Amino acid sequence: MADREQELRDVRRDAVNELIDQIAGTVLTHLSGMAARCSNDPTVRRKIDQVVFQVRRESAEASSKMADKNGEPPLEQEV
């Protein structure tokens, strides 16, 4: 019985992880197109792209810290 319960938890975790990946992908796609939506001026677009890159880097660092704090394995170790 315990094996079955663990299997169900693993399936749910896989589904949640997939959903998180889809949500993150959607957010990143929309962030990447932000500069084009905001301005036709190349200088303004570059500045927006720089800020988007910075926000993406900061988000990735924060996510990594949260994963480490919660004992998540590095991405290289996930199956």
Protein backbone atom coordinates (compact mmCIF):
# COMPACT_ATOMS: atom_id res chain seq x y z
CA MET A 1 0.00 0.00 0.00
CA ALA A 2 2.82 2.43 0.80
CA ASP A 3 4.37 1.82 -2.63
CA ARG A 4 1.09 2.73 -4.32
CA GLU A 5 0.80 5.94 -2.29
CA GLN A 6 4.36 6.91 -3.17
CA GLU A 7 3.65 6.19 -6.84
CA LEU A 8 0.61 8.49 -6.75
CA ARG A 9 2.66 11.24 -5.08
CA ASP A 10 5.33 10.88 -7.77
CA VAL A 11 2.74 11.11 -10.56
CA ARG A 12 1.20 14.22 -9.00
CA ARG A 13 4.64 15.77 -8.55
CA ASP A 14 5.47 15.09 -12.20
CA ALA A 15 2.22 16.73 -13.28
CA VAL A 16 2.88 19.76 -11.07
CA ASN A 17 6.44 20.06 -12.36
CA GLU A 18 5.18 19.95 -15.94
CA LEU A 19 2.61 22.64 -15.20
CA ILE A 20 5.25 24.85 -13.58
CA ASP A 21 7.48 24.42 -16.66
CA GLN A 22 4.59 25.41 -18.94
CA ILE A 23 3.76 28.49 -16.87
CA ALA A 24 7.41 29.56 -16.72
CA GLY A 25 7.76 29.09 -20.46
CA THR A 26 4.71 31.26 -21.10
CA VAL A 27 6.03 34.01 -18.83
CA LEU A 28 9.47 33.94 -20.45
CA THR A 29 7.98 34.05 -23.94
CA HIS A 30 5.91 37.09 -23.08
CA LEU A 31 8.82 38.83 -21.37
CA SER A 32 10.97 38.28 -24.44
CA GLY A 33 8.46 40.07 -26.64
CA MET A 34 7.99 43.01 -24.31
CA ALA A 35 10.48 45.37 -25.97
CA ALA A 36 8.80 45.06 -29.35
CA ARG A 37 5.43 45.80 -27.79
CA CYS A 38 6.69 48.87 -25.93
CA SER A 39 8.60 50.82 -28.55
CA ASN A 40 9.79 51.09 -32.12
CA ASP A 41 12.89 52.99 -30.97
CA PRO A 42 15.93 50.65 -31.04
CA THR A 43 17.55 52.42 -28.06
CA VAL A 44 14.45 52.00 -25.91
CA ARG A 45 14.10 48.37 -27.01
CA ARG A 46 17.69 47.60 -26.01
CA LYS A 47 17.11 49.13 -22.57
CA ILE A 48 13.92 47.12 -22.10
CA ASP A 49 15.72 43.94 -23.24
CA GLN A 50 18.49 44.63 -20.71
CA VAL A 51 15.96 44.99 -17.90
CA VAL A 52 14.10 41.84 -18.98
CA PHE A 53 17.40 39.92 -19.03
CA GLN A 54 18.22 41.22 -15.54
CA VAL A 55 14.78 40.24 -14.21
CA ARG A 56 15.10 36.76 -15.75
CA ARG A 57 18.53 36.30 -14.15
CA GLU A 58 17.30 37.51 -10.76
CA SER A 59 14.26 35.22 -10.97
CA ALA A 60 16.45 32.25 -11.84
CA GLU A 61 18.75 32.96 -8.91
CA ALA A 62 15.82 33.34 -6.51
CA SER A 63 14.27 30.11 -7.79
CA SER A 64 17.55 28.24 -7.38
CA LYS A 65 17.88 29.46 -3.80
CA MET A 66 14.31 28.36 -3.01
CA ALA A 67 14.96 24.96 -4.58
CA ASP A 68 18.17 24.54 -2.57
CA LYS A 69 16.38 25.58 0.62
CA ASN A 70 13.70 22.94 -0.02
CA GLY A 71 16.16 20.17 -0.83
CA GLU A 72 15.39 19.95 -4.55
CA PRO A 73 18.08 18.20 -6.59
CA PRO A 74 20.00 20.18 -9.23
CA LEU A 75 18.41 20.09 -12.69
CA GLU A 76 21.28 17.94 -13.94
CA GLN A 77 20.22 15.19 -11.51
CA GLU A 78 16.52 15.16 -12.38
CA VAL A 79 15.25 12.41 -14.62
